[in-house]
Amino acid sequence: MEWEAAALVLSVRPYGEGSALVHLFSEEHGVSHGMARGGASRRQASLWQTGNLVMARWRARLADQLGTLTAEPVQCVAGRILDAPLQLEMVSSACALVDGALPQGEPHPELFMRLVRLLTLISVAPDPAPMGAYLRWESQLLAGLGYGLDLSDCAVTGSREDLAYVSPRSGHAVSQKGAGEWRDRLLPMPALMMSEAEDGTPEDWKNGLALTGHFLSRWVFGVRHQPLPAARERLVDYVQRLQVAPPDKAGDSTQ
């Protein structure tokens, strides 16, 4: 079996002597695993980087075998944001979520295109970091997996105005008025979750990550008895540091 397609590099780790085990995400073939011979070498290091878009060629005798991979670069995402630690964390988190959430070999063309658009946005216009777009993408990931949040109106009053919370049980929005005495048990919802014009503050990012993280953990990874990916937790830690230090200082603390 053999195929050739544009694919995103989701993860890379050493495999054997000088090779690499690569997880790819393509429009038609979903998440695929393959071995890149010489993939851990200095010559190929810039190609097999998380977030890169490549034209990949996958070959195997049978469809369920570990294939062999070769590729040519299309868009080098990682190389453009080497000096932008928050953006690097965003790329790593998004790729790790897809790698862990999607079954191998199951096509998700819409999710593929949305991830391509997100990574392109991060790499082409990295400053300021498009965290609002990233958080809306996590909400889209949930929807693409069949666990969409209902942020259209208030679960209590039916109002479409002043939506400020989400029920941790149902994923339905709740307004300030509808929250009442239960507001401390609800998840705060920053305005950026509903408006592409909003990019928010580090406080909004923290609340947004807590919101989508709750449902990713409960509905996607929890049912598999798995924690959220470590890369997603690193993004949360970085954003929390931004609340007490400017971006350059937060970046210095990761060195």
C-alpha atoms as a PDB file:
ATOM      1  CA  MET A   1       0.000   0.000   0.000  1.00  0.00           C
ATOM      2  CA  GLU A   2       1.222   3.488  -0.797  1.00  0.00           C
ATOM      3  CA  TRP A   3      -0.068   7.039  -0.622  1.00  0.00           C
ATOM      4  CA  GLU A   4       1.212  10.579  -1.090  1.00  0.00           C
ATOM      5  CA  ALA A   5      -0.443  13.597   0.503  1.00  0.00           C
ATOM      6  CA  ALA A   6       0.103  16.895   2.265  1.00  0.00           C
ATOM      7  CA  ALA A   7       0.420  16.126   5.967  1.00  0.00           C
ATOM      8  CA  LEU A   8       1.159  17.837   9.268  1.00  0.00           C
ATOM      9  CA  VAL A   9       3.880  16.490  11.522  1.00  0.00           C
ATOM     10  CA  LEU A  10       2.245  15.796  14.903  1.00  0.00           C
ATOM     11  CA  SER A  11       5.117  14.190  16.793  1.00  0.00           C
ATOM     12  CA  VAL A  12       8.608  12.810  16.272  1.00  0.00           C
ATOM     13  CA  ARG A  13      10.740  10.545  18.434  1.00  0.00           C
ATOM     14  CA  PRO A  14      13.934   8.541  17.865  1.00  0.00           C
ATOM     15  CA  TYR A  15      13.497   5.043  16.463  1.00  0.00           C
ATOM     16  CA  GLY A  16      16.370   2.594  16.165  1.00  0.00           C
ATOM     17  CA  GLU A  17      19.717   3.866  14.941  1.00  0.00           C
ATOM     18  CA  GLY A  18      19.270   7.272  13.365  1.00  0.00           C
ATOM     19  CA  SER A  19      15.654   6.838  12.294  1.00  0.00           C
ATOM     20  CA  ALA A  20      12.530   8.508  13.672  1.00  0.00           C
ATOM     21  CA  LEU A  21       8.989   7.394  14.434  1.00  0.00           C
ATOM     22  CA  VAL A  22       6.731  10.101  13.003  1.00  0.00           C
ATOM     23  CA  HIS A  23       3.020  10.678  13.509  1.00  0.00           C
ATOM     24  CA  LEU A  24       1.365  12.544  10.631  1.00  0.00           C
ATOM     25  CA  PHE A  25      -2.085  14.020  10.083  1.00  0.00           C
ATOM     26  CA  SER A  26      -3.452  14.241   6.535  1.00  0.00           C
ATOM     27  CA  GLU A  27      -6.828  15.132   5.086  1.00  0.00           C
ATOM     28  CA  GLU A  28      -7.622  11.764   3.526  1.00  0.00           C
ATOM     29  CA  HIS A  29      -5.760   9.343   5.791  1.00  0.00           C
ATOM     30  CA  GLY A  30      -6.161  10.950   9.222  1.00  0.00           C
ATOM     31  CA  VAL A  31      -3.458  10.177  11.765  1.00  0.00           C
ATOM     32  CA  SER A  32      -0.781   7.861  10.349  1.00  0.00           C
ATOM     33  CA  HIS A  33       2.396   6.414  11.859  1.00  0.00           C
ATOM     34  CA  GLY A  34       5.564   5.786   9.941  1.00  0.00           C
ATOM     35  CA  MET A  35       9.318   5.372  10.206  1.00  0.00           C
ATOM     36  CA  ALA A  36      11.542   7.947   8.545  1.00  0.00           C
ATOM     37  CA  ARG A  37      14.936   6.418   7.838  1.00  0.00           C
ATOM     38  CA  GLY A  38      17.601   8.887   8.860  1.00  0.00           C
ATOM     39  CA  GLY A  39      14.877  11.061  10.345  1.00  0.00           C
ATOM     40  CA  ALA A  40      16.935  11.722  13.484  1.00  0.00           C
ATOM     41  CA  SER A  41      19.957  12.863  11.478  1.00  0.00           C
ATOM     42  CA  ARG A  42      21.130  16.459  11.353  1.00  0.00           C
ATOM     43  CA  ARG A  43      20.307  16.625   7.637  1.00  0.00           C
ATOM     44  CA  GLN A  44      16.627  15.811   8.199  1.00  0.00           C
ATOM     45  CA  ALA A  45      16.170  17.514  11.589  1.00  0.00           C
ATOM     46  CA  SER A  46      14.557  20.655  10.148  1.00  0.00           C
ATOM     47  CA  LEU A  47      12.061  18.593   8.117  1.00  0.00           C
ATOM     48  CA  TRP A  48      10.643  16.429  10.897  1.00  0.00           C
ATOM     49  CA  GLN A  49       9.562  19.170  13.301  1.00  0.00           C
ATOM     50  CA  THR A  50       6.215  19.272  15.081  1.00  0.00           C
ATOM     51  CA  GLY A  51       3.793  21.536  13.225  1.00  0.00           C
ATOM     52  CA  ASN A  52       5.527  21.424   9.851  1.00  0.00           C
ATOM     53  CA  LEU A  53       3.449  20.831   6.724  1.00  0.00           C
ATOM     54  CA  VAL A  54       5.130  18.336   4.389  1.00  0.00           C
ATOM     55  CA  MET A  55       4.359  16.433   1.223  1.00  0.00           C
ATOM     56  CA  ALA A  56       4.642  12.920   2.620  1.00  0.00           C
ATOM     57  CA  ARG A  57       4.994   9.536   0.928  1.00  0.00           C
ATOM     58  CA  TRP A  58       3.943   6.554   3.033  1.00  0.00           C
ATOM     59  CA  ARG A  59       4.615   2.962   1.997  1.00  0.00           C
ATOM     60  CA  ALA A  60       3.870  -0.398   3.616  1.00  0.00           C
ATOM     61  CA  ARG A  61       3.090  -3.932   2.448  1.00  0.00           C
ATOM     62  CA  LEU A  62      -0.179  -3.925   4.433  1.00  0.00           C
ATOM     63  CA  ALA A  63      -2.365  -1.030   5.583  1.00  0.00           C
ATOM     64  CA  ASP A  64      -2.051  -1.887   9.278  1.00  0.00           C
ATOM     65  CA  GLN A  65       1.759  -2.116   9.249  1.00  0.00           C
ATOM     66  CA  LEU A  66       4.182   0.587  10.319  1.00  0.00           C
ATOM     67  CA  GLY A  67       4.972   2.308   7.049  1.00  0.00           C
ATOM     68  CA  THR A  68       8.169   3.940   5.860  1.00  0.00           C
ATOM     69  CA  LEU A  69       8.122   7.682   5.273  1.00  0.00           C
ATOM     70  CA  THR A  70       9.850  10.170   3.049  1.00  0.00           C
ATOM     71  CA  ALA A  71       8.817  13.789   2.659  1.00  0.00           C
ATOM     72  CA  GLU A  72       9.556  17.190   1.207  1.00  0.00           C
ATOM     73  CA  PRO A  73       8.935  20.459   3.067  1.00  0.00           C
ATOM     74  CA  VAL A  74       5.907  22.589   2.213  1.00  0.00           C
ATOM     75  CA  GLN A  75       5.632  24.985   5.165  1.00  0.00           C
ATOM     76  CA  CYS A  76       8.126  25.199   8.000  1.00  0.00           C
ATOM     77  CA  VAL A  77       6.095  26.333  10.992  1.00  0.00           C
ATOM     78  CA  ALA A  78       8.592  25.571  13.745  1.00  0.00           C
ATOM     79  CA  GLY A  79      11.455  27.460  12.110  1.00  0.00           C
ATOM     80  CA  ARG A  80       9.454  30.697  11.993  1.00  0.00           C
ATOM     81  CA  ILE A  81       8.666  30.825  15.711  1.00  0.00           C
ATOM     82  CA  LEU A  82      11.878  29.608  17.327  1.00  0.00           C
ATOM     83  CA  ASP A  83      12.122  32.851  19.305  1.00  0.00           C
ATOM     84  CA  ALA A  84       8.447  32.868  20.322  1.00  0.00           C
ATOM     85  CA  PRO A  85       8.016  30.465  23.277  1.00  0.00           C
ATOM     86  CA  LEU A  86       4.259  30.943  23.732  1.00  0.00           C
ATOM     87  CA  GLN A  87       3.646  30.262  20.047  1.00  0.00           C
ATOM     88  CA  LEU A  88       5.830  27.158  20.204  1.00  0.00           C
ATOM     89  CA  GLU A  89       3.778  25.911  23.152  1.00  0.00           C
ATOM     90  CA  MET A  90       0.564  26.538  21.197  1.00  0.00           C
ATOM     91  CA  VAL A  91       1.798  24.529  18.204  1.00  0.00           C
ATOM     92  CA  SER A  92       3.004  21.659  20.398  1.00  0.00           C
ATOM     93  CA  SER A  93      -0.287  21.585  22.311  1.00  0.00           C
ATOM     94  CA  ALA A  94      -2.514  21.599  19.222  1.00  0.00           C
ATOM     95  CA  CYS A  95      -0.534  18.816  17.554  1.00  0.00           C
ATOM     96  CA  ALA A  96      -0.452  16.712  20.734  1.00  0.00           C
ATOM     97  CA  LEU A  97      -4.222  17.037  21.187  1.00  0.00           C
ATOM     98  CA  VAL A  98      -4.891  15.812  17.649  1.00  0.00           C
ATOM     99  CA  ASP A  99      -2.313  13.043  17.995  1.00  0.00           C
ATOM    100  CA  GLY A 100      -3.932  11.791  21.196  1.00  0.00           C
ATOM    101  CA  ALA A 101      -7.598  12.387  20.394  1.00  0.00           C
ATOM    102  CA  LEU A 102      -8.021  10.970  16.890  1.00  0.00           C
ATOM    103  CA  PRO A 103      -8.040   7.242  16.084  1.00  0.00           C
ATOM    104  CA  GLN A 104      -5.329   6.123  13.689  1.00  0.00           C
ATOM    105  CA  GLY A 105      -6.390   5.992  10.040  1.00  0.00           C
ATOM    106  CA  GLU A 106      -9.745   7.777  10.492  1.00  0.00           C
ATOM    107  CA  PRO A 107     -10.166  10.746   8.099  1.00  0.00           C
ATOM    108  CA  HIS A 108     -11.161  14.104   9.584  1.00  0.00           C
ATOM    109  CA  PRO A 109     -10.840  16.499   6.649  1.00  0.00           C
ATOM    110  CA  GLU A 110     -12.469  19.482   8.345  1.00  0.00           C
ATOM    111  CA  LEU A 111     -10.304  19.143  11.448  1.00  0.00           C
ATOM    112  CA  PHE A 112      -7.245  18.833   9.215  1.00  0.00           C
ATOM    113  CA  MET A 113      -8.004  22.083   7.393  1.00  0.00           C
ATOM    114  CA  ARG A 114      -8.753  23.896  10.637  1.00  0.00           C
ATOM    115  CA  LEU A 115      -5.439  22.798  12.102  1.00  0.00           C
ATOM    116  CA  VAL A 116      -3.597  23.881   8.946  1.00  0.00           C
ATOM    117  CA  ARG A 117      -5.234  27.321   9.199  1.00  0.00           C
ATOM    118  CA  LEU A 118      -4.393  27.628  12.901  1.00  0.00           C
ATOM    119  CA  LEU A 119      -0.735  26.674  12.476  1.00  0.00           C
ATOM    120  CA  THR A 120      -0.422  28.980   9.471  1.00  0.00           C
ATOM    121  CA  LEU A 121      -1.866  31.858  11.493  1.00  0.00           C
ATOM    122  CA  ILE A 122       0.533  31.200  14.361  1.00  0.00           C
ATOM    123  CA  SER A 123       3.569  31.073  12.061  1.00  0.00           C
ATOM    124  CA  VAL A 124       2.699  33.887   9.653  1.00  0.00           C
ATOM    125  CA  ALA A 125       1.439  36.396  12.219  1.00  0.00           C
ATOM    126  CA  PRO A 126       2.987  35.154  15.464  1.00  0.00           C
ATOM    127  CA  ASP A 127       2.975  38.458  17.379  1.00  0.00           C
ATOM    128  CA  PRO A 128       0.800  38.960  19.282  1.00  0.00           C
ATOM    129  CA  ALA A 129       0.137  35.290  19.897  1.00  0.00           C
ATOM    130  CA  PRO A 130      -3.339  34.405  18.522  1.00  0.00           C
ATOM    131  CA  MET A 131      -4.531  32.694  21.685  1.00  0.00           C
ATOM    132  CA  GLY A 132      -8.148  33.589  20.971  1.00  0.00           C
ATOM    133  CA  ALA A 133      -7.971  31.687  17.685  1.00  0.00           C
ATOM    134  CA  TYR A 134      -6.242  28.799  19.448  1.00  0.00           C
ATOM    135  CA  LEU A 135      -8.958  28.503  22.094  1.00  0.00           C
ATOM    136  CA  ARG A 136     -11.725  28.674  19.504  1.00  0.00           C
ATOM    137  CA  TRP A 137      -9.874  25.908  17.651  1.00  0.00           C
ATOM    138  CA  GLU A 138      -9.970  23.708  20.782  1.00  0.00           C
ATOM    139  CA  SER A 139     -13.729  24.269  20.913  1.00  0.00           C
ATOM    140  CA  GLN A 140     -13.934  23.295  17.219  1.00  0.00           C
ATOM    141  CA  LEU A 141     -11.910  20.163  17.968  1.00  0.00           C
ATOM    142  CA  LEU A 142     -14.468  19.163  20.585  1.00  0.00           C
ATOM    143  CA  ALA A 143     -17.277  19.768  18.095  1.00  0.00           C
ATOM    144  CA  GLY A 144     -15.490  17.785  15.389  1.00  0.00           C
ATOM    145  CA  LEU A 145     -15.248  14.837  17.769  1.00  0.00           C
ATOM    146  CA  GLY A 146     -18.973  15.021  18.556  1.00  0.00           C
ATOM    147  CA  TYR A 147     -18.701  16.922  21.852  1.00  0.00           C
ATOM    148  CA  GLY A 148     -19.624  20.442  20.791  1.00  0.00           C
ATOM    149  CA  LEU A 149     -20.229  23.127  23.397  1.00  0.00           C
ATOM    150  CA  ASP A 150     -23.541  24.986  23.134  1.00  0.00           C
ATOM    151  CA  LEU A 151     -22.610  28.649  23.491  1.00  0.00           C
ATOM    152  CA  SER A 152     -25.577  30.061  21.579  1.00  0.00           C
ATOM    153  CA  ASP A 153     -27.884  30.912  24.494  1.00  0.00           C
ATOM    154  CA  CYS A 154     -28.369  30.577  28.254  1.00  0.00           C
ATOM    155  CA  ALA A 155     -29.389  27.130  29.487  1.00  0.00           C
ATOM    156  CA  VAL A 156     -31.461  28.733  32.263  1.00  0.00           C
ATOM    157  CA  THR A 157     -33.139  31.800  30.755  1.00  0.00           C
ATOM    158  CA  GLY A 158     -32.799  31.185  27.007  1.00  0.00           C
ATOM    159  CA  SER A 159     -31.245  34.631  26.628  1.00  0.00           C
ATOM    160  CA  ARG A 160     -28.487  35.248  24.076  1.00  0.00           C
ATOM    161  CA  GLU A 161     -27.176  38.252  25.988  1.00  0.00           C
ATOM    162  CA  ASP A 162     -24.539  38.533  28.707  1.00  0.00           C
ATOM    163  CA  LEU A 163     -23.333  34.929  28.426  1.00  0.00           C
ATOM    164  CA  ALA A 164     -20.498  34.522  30.919  1.00  0.00           C
ATOM    165  CA  TYR A 165     -20.329  30.899  32.108  1.00  0.00           C
ATOM    166  CA  VAL A 166     -20.591  27.294  30.921  1.00  0.00           C
ATOM    167  CA  SER A 167     -22.115  24.381  32.804  1.00  0.00           C
ATOM    168  CA  PRO A 168     -19.361  21.839  33.581  1.00  0.00           C
ATOM    169  CA  ARG A 169     -21.894  19.022  33.182  1.00  0.00           C
ATOM    170  CA  SER A 170     -23.716  19.896  29.959  1.00  0.00           C
ATOM    171  CA  GLY A 171     -21.351  22.264  28.138  1.00  0.00           C
ATOM    172  CA  HIS A 172     -24.223  24.757  27.753  1.00  0.00           C
ATOM    173  CA  ALA A 173     -23.668  28.491  28.212  1.00  0.00           C
ATOM    174  CA  VAL A 174     -25.164  30.358  31.172  1.00  0.00           C
ATOM    175  CA  SER A 175     -25.757  34.099  31.461  1.00  0.00           C
ATOM    176  CA  GLN A 176     -24.822  36.333  34.373  1.00  0.00           C
ATOM    177  CA  LYS A 177     -28.489  36.466  35.411  1.00  0.00           C
ATOM    178  CA  GLY A 178     -29.035  32.746  34.927  1.00  0.00           C
ATOM    179  CA  ALA A 179     -25.983  31.805  36.996  1.00  0.00           C
ATOM    180  CA  GLY A 180     -27.467  33.117  40.245  1.00  0.00           C
ATOM    181  CA  GLU A 181     -26.223  31.334  43.353  1.00  0.00           C
ATOM    182  CA  TRP A 182     -24.611  28.621  41.226  1.00  0.00           C
ATOM    183  CA  ARG A 183     -21.997  30.867  39.585  1.00  0.00           C
ATOM    184  CA  ASP A 184     -19.167  29.494  41.749  1.00  0.00           C
ATOM    185  CA  ARG A 185     -19.835  26.014  40.344  1.00  0.00           C
ATOM    186  CA  LEU A 186     -19.751  27.153  36.712  1.00  0.00           C
ATOM    187  CA  LEU A 187     -16.812  27.585  34.367  1.00  0.00           C
ATOM    188  CA  PRO A 188     -16.030  31.209  33.438  1.00  0.00           C
ATOM    189  CA  MET A 189     -16.323  31.817  29.694  1.00  0.00           C
ATOM    190  CA  PRO A 190     -14.236  34.661  28.217  1.00  0.00           C
ATOM    191  CA  ALA A 191     -15.808  36.673  25.397  1.00  0.00           C
ATOM    192  CA  LEU A 192     -13.128  35.483  22.971  1.00  0.00           C
ATOM    193  CA  MET A 193     -14.782  32.053  22.859  1.00  0.00           C
ATOM    194  CA  MET A 194     -17.684  33.541  20.879  1.00  0.00           C
ATOM    195  CA  SER A 195     -16.091  36.418  18.968  1.00  0.00           C
ATOM    196  CA  GLU A 196     -13.266  36.276  16.437  1.00  0.00           C
ATOM    197  CA  ALA A 197     -12.701  39.976  17.117  1.00  0.00           C
ATOM    198  CA  GLU A 198     -11.619  39.202  20.682  1.00  0.00           C
ATOM    199  CA  ASP A 199      -8.173  37.926  21.575  1.00  0.00           C
ATOM    200  CA  GLY A 200      -8.348  38.552  25.315  1.00  0.00           C
ATOM    201  CA  THR A 201      -5.809  38.838  28.115  1.00  0.00           C
ATOM    202  CA  PRO A 202      -3.731  36.221  29.963  1.00  0.00           C
ATOM    203  CA  GLU A 203      -6.588  35.983  32.475  1.00  0.00           C
ATOM    204  CA  ASP A 204      -9.026  35.245  29.641  1.00  0.00           C
ATOM    205  CA  TRP A 205      -6.593  32.689  28.194  1.00  0.00           C
ATOM    206  CA  LYS A 206      -6.333  30.934  31.551  1.00  0.00           C
ATOM    207  CA  ASN A 207     -10.125  30.761  31.853  1.00  0.00           C
ATOM    208  CA  GLY A 208     -10.474  29.614  28.246  1.00  0.00           C
ATOM    209  CA  LEU A 209      -7.915  26.844  28.708  1.00  0.00           C
ATOM    210  CA  ALA A 210      -9.670  25.729  31.900  1.00  0.00           C
ATOM    211  CA  LEU A 211     -13.001  25.677  30.041  1.00  0.00           C
ATOM    212  CA  THR A 212     -11.949  23.632  27.015  1.00  0.00           C
ATOM    213  CA  GLY A 213      -9.537  21.570  29.111  1.00  0.00           C
ATOM    214  CA  HIS A 214     -12.367  20.445  31.378  1.00  0.00           C
ATOM    215  CA  PHE A 215     -14.311  18.971  28.466  1.00  0.00           C
ATOM    216  CA  LEU A 216     -11.279  17.605  26.640  1.00  0.00           C
ATOM    217  CA  SER A 217     -10.301  15.820  29.841  1.00  0.00           C
ATOM    218  CA  ARG A 218     -13.812  14.588  30.626  1.00  0.00           C
ATOM    219  CA  TRP A 219     -15.214  13.722  27.194  1.00  0.00           C
ATOM    220  CA  VAL A 220     -12.192  12.909  25.034  1.00  0.00           C
ATOM    221  CA  PHE A 221      -9.201  11.726  27.070  1.00  0.00           C
ATOM    222  CA  GLY A 222     -10.995  10.717  30.268  1.00  0.00           C
ATOM    223  CA  VAL A 223     -13.073   8.049  28.554  1.00  0.00           C
ATOM    224  CA  ARG A 224      -9.788   6.451  27.494  1.00  0.00           C
ATOM    225  CA  HIS A 225      -8.406   6.764  31.028  1.00  0.00           C
ATOM    226  CA  GLN A 226      -5.685   9.091  29.758  1.00  0.00           C
ATOM    227  CA  PRO A 227      -4.556  12.493  31.049  1.00  0.00           C
ATOM    228  CA  LEU A 228      -4.402  15.526  28.833  1.00  0.00           C
ATOM    229  CA  PRO A 229      -1.176  15.572  26.785  1.00  0.00           C
ATOM    230  CA  ALA A 230       1.880  16.948  28.552  1.00  0.00           C
ATOM    231  CA  ALA A 231       2.251  19.613  25.842  1.00  0.00           C
ATOM    232  CA  ARG A 232      -1.251  20.911  26.688  1.00  0.00           C
ATOM    233  CA  GLU A 233      -0.309  21.143  30.370  1.00  0.00           C
ATOM    234  CA  ARG A 234       2.870  23.053  29.485  1.00  0.00           C
ATOM    235  CA  LEU A 235       0.781  25.601  27.604  1.00  0.00           C
ATOM    236  CA  VAL A 236      -1.423  26.060  30.678  1.00  0.00           C
ATOM    237  CA  ASP A 237       1.660  26.531  32.884  1.00  0.00           C
ATOM    238  CA  TYR A 238       3.113  29.102  30.498  1.00  0.00           C
ATOM    239  CA  VAL A 239      -0.112  31.120  30.358  1.00  0.00           C
ATOM    240  CA  GLN A 240      -0.348  31.087  34.149  1.00  0.00           C
ATOM    241  CA  ARG A 241       3.157  32.567  34.339  1.00  0.00           C
ATOM    242  CA  LEU A 242       2.091  35.351  31.973  1.00  0.00           C
ATOM    243  CA  GLN A 243      -0.350  36.575  34.628  1.00  0.00           C
ATOM    244  CA  VAL A 244       2.493  37.512  36.944  1.00  0.00           C
ATOM    245  CA  ALA A 245       5.250  38.352  34.449  1.00  0.00           C
ATOM    246  CA  PRO A 246       5.439  40.034  31.025  1.00  0.00           C
ATOM    247  CA  PRO A 247       5.917  37.711  28.018  1.00  0.00           C
ATOM    248  CA  ASP A 248       9.695  38.165  27.815  1.00  0.00           C
ATOM    249  CA  LYS A 249      10.114  37.325  31.501  1.00  0.00           C
ATOM    250  CA  ALA A 250       7.819  34.300  31.204  1.00  0.00           C
ATOM    251  CA  GLY A 251       9.879  33.143  28.262  1.00  0.00           C
ATOM    252  CA  ASP A 252      13.105  33.555  30.233  1.00  0.00           C
ATOM    253  CA  SER A 253      11.753  31.292  32.978  1.00  0.00           C
ATOM    254  CA  THR A 254      11.491  28.394  30.552  1.00  0.00           C
ATOM    255  CA  GLN A 255      15.150  28.506  29.606  1.00  0.00           C
END
